[in-house]
Amino acid sequence: MHEGSSGPASGVAYAVFAEGAWEALRDAAAAVATCNTVLHPTNAIDTSDLVAEALAELRALAIEEAAP
């Protein structure tokens, strides 16, 4: 959160910003929260359980398909 900002809060799925976009958003918003799928100081939404669950499902499917 940028000190003194009274702008709206912003949620962003991935912290991938065009040049200068992060700074502009930071200056305009009261708070910015992103998923932790891309390392960034705004990471506030933990997706590790979702990713782990999806990987476990893919692994189970691969084992099923590989079985004789």
C-alpha atoms as a PDB file:
ATOM      1  CA  MET A   1       0.000   0.000   0.000  1.00  0.00           C
ATOM      2  CA  HIS A   2       1.336   3.389  -0.950  1.00  0.00           C
ATOM      3  CA  GLU A   3       1.265   5.722   2.052  1.00  0.00           C
ATOM      4  CA  GLY A   4      -1.341   8.433   1.753  1.00  0.00           C
ATOM      5  CA  SER A   5      -3.184   6.826  -1.149  1.00  0.00           C
ATOM      6  CA  SER A   6      -6.943   6.824  -0.903  1.00  0.00           C
ATOM      7  CA  GLY A   7      -7.523   5.063  -4.205  1.00  0.00           C
ATOM      8  CA  PRO A   8      -9.333   1.758  -4.625  1.00  0.00           C
ATOM      9  CA  ALA A   9      -7.915  -1.618  -3.704  1.00  0.00           C
ATOM     10  CA  SER A  10      -6.840  -3.736  -6.659  1.00  0.00           C
ATOM     11  CA  GLY A  11      -6.607  -7.491  -7.105  1.00  0.00           C
ATOM     12  CA  VAL A  12      -4.405  -8.849  -9.873  1.00  0.00           C
ATOM     13  CA  ALA A  13      -4.187 -12.525 -10.811  1.00  0.00           C
ATOM     14  CA  TYR A  14      -0.542 -12.477 -11.932  1.00  0.00           C
ATOM     15  CA  ALA A  15       2.091  -9.902 -11.036  1.00  0.00           C
ATOM     16  CA  VAL A  16       3.215  -9.381 -14.637  1.00  0.00           C
ATOM     17  CA  PHE A  17       3.270  -5.664 -15.345  1.00  0.00           C
ATOM     18  CA  ALA A  18       4.309  -3.706 -18.425  1.00  0.00           C
ATOM     19  CA  GLU A  19       7.108  -1.226 -17.891  1.00  0.00           C
ATOM     20  CA  GLY A  20       5.881   1.489 -15.523  1.00  0.00           C
ATOM     21  CA  ALA A  21       2.495  -0.175 -14.932  1.00  0.00           C
ATOM     22  CA  TRP A  22       3.301  -1.442 -11.441  1.00  0.00           C
ATOM     23  CA  GLU A  23       4.470   1.982 -10.331  1.00  0.00           C
ATOM     24  CA  ALA A  24       1.364   3.653 -11.785  1.00  0.00           C
ATOM     25  CA  LEU A  25      -0.943   1.132 -10.120  1.00  0.00           C
ATOM     26  CA  ARG A  26       0.937   1.372  -6.822  1.00  0.00           C
ATOM     27  CA  ASP A  27       0.617   5.155  -6.846  1.00  0.00           C
ATOM     28  CA  ALA A  28      -3.098   5.082  -7.708  1.00  0.00           C
ATOM     29  CA  ALA A  29      -4.361   2.235  -5.522  1.00  0.00           C
ATOM     30  CA  ALA A  30      -4.774   2.024  -1.767  1.00  0.00           C
ATOM     31  CA  ALA A  31      -3.671  -1.626  -1.926  1.00  0.00           C
ATOM     32  CA  VAL A  32      -2.629  -4.147  -4.561  1.00  0.00           C
ATOM     33  CA  ALA A  33      -2.839  -7.919  -4.017  1.00  0.00           C
ATOM     34  CA  THR A  34      -1.569 -10.571  -6.427  1.00  0.00           C
ATOM     35  CA  CYS A  35      -1.396 -14.360  -6.457  1.00  0.00           C
ATOM     36  CA  ASN A  36       1.956 -15.854  -5.514  1.00  0.00           C
ATOM     37  CA  THR A  37       2.333 -17.552  -8.899  1.00  0.00           C
ATOM     38  CA  VAL A  38       4.830 -14.860  -9.947  1.00  0.00           C
ATOM     39  CA  LEU A  39       7.200 -13.590  -7.243  1.00  0.00           C
ATOM     40  CA  HIS A  40       6.426  -9.936  -6.477  1.00  0.00           C
ATOM     41  CA  PRO A  41       6.207  -7.725  -3.360  1.00  0.00           C
ATOM     42  CA  THR A  42       2.396  -7.612  -3.791  1.00  0.00           C
ATOM     43  CA  ASN A  43       1.930 -11.385  -3.360  1.00  0.00           C
ATOM     44  CA  ALA A  44      -0.912 -11.797  -0.868  1.00  0.00           C
ATOM     45  CA  ILE A  45      -3.018 -14.619  -2.330  1.00  0.00           C
ATOM     46  CA  ASP A  46      -1.517 -18.060  -1.725  1.00  0.00           C
ATOM     47  CA  THR A  47      -2.268 -20.546  -4.498  1.00  0.00           C
ATOM     48  CA  SER A  48       0.087 -23.322  -3.364  1.00  0.00           C
ATOM     49  CA  ASP A  49      -2.723 -25.644  -2.193  1.00  0.00           C
ATOM     50  CA  LEU A  50      -4.522 -25.278  -5.534  1.00  0.00           C
ATOM     51  CA  VAL A  51      -1.355 -25.954  -7.504  1.00  0.00           C
ATOM     52  CA  ALA A  52      -0.428 -28.957  -5.324  1.00  0.00           C
ATOM     53  CA  GLU A  53      -3.922 -30.429  -5.721  1.00  0.00           C
ATOM     54  CA  ALA A  54      -3.850 -30.012  -9.515  1.00  0.00           C
ATOM     55  CA  LEU A  55      -0.390 -31.608  -9.723  1.00  0.00           C
ATOM     56  CA  ALA A  56      -1.549 -34.568  -7.622  1.00  0.00           C
ATOM     57  CA  GLU A  57      -4.512 -35.070  -9.965  1.00  0.00           C
ATOM     58  CA  LEU A  58      -2.242 -34.941 -13.034  1.00  0.00           C
ATOM     59  CA  ARG A  59       0.154 -37.416 -11.440  1.00  0.00           C
ATOM     60  CA  ALA A  60      -2.706 -39.802 -10.669  1.00  0.00           C
ATOM     61  CA  LEU A  61      -3.901 -39.577 -14.278  1.00  0.00           C
ATOM     62  CA  ALA A  62      -0.396 -40.245 -15.611  1.00  0.00           C
ATOM     63  CA  ILE A  63      -0.024 -43.305 -13.371  1.00  0.00           C
ATOM     64  CA  GLU A  64      -3.435 -44.575 -14.522  1.00  0.00           C
ATOM     65  CA  GLU A  65      -2.529 -44.161 -18.182  1.00  0.00           C
ATOM     66  CA  ALA A  66       0.843 -45.836 -17.723  1.00  0.00           C
ATOM     67  CA  ALA A  67      -0.623 -48.896 -16.013  1.00  0.00           C
ATOM     68  CA  PRO A  68      -0.712 -52.046 -18.171  1.00  0.00           C
END
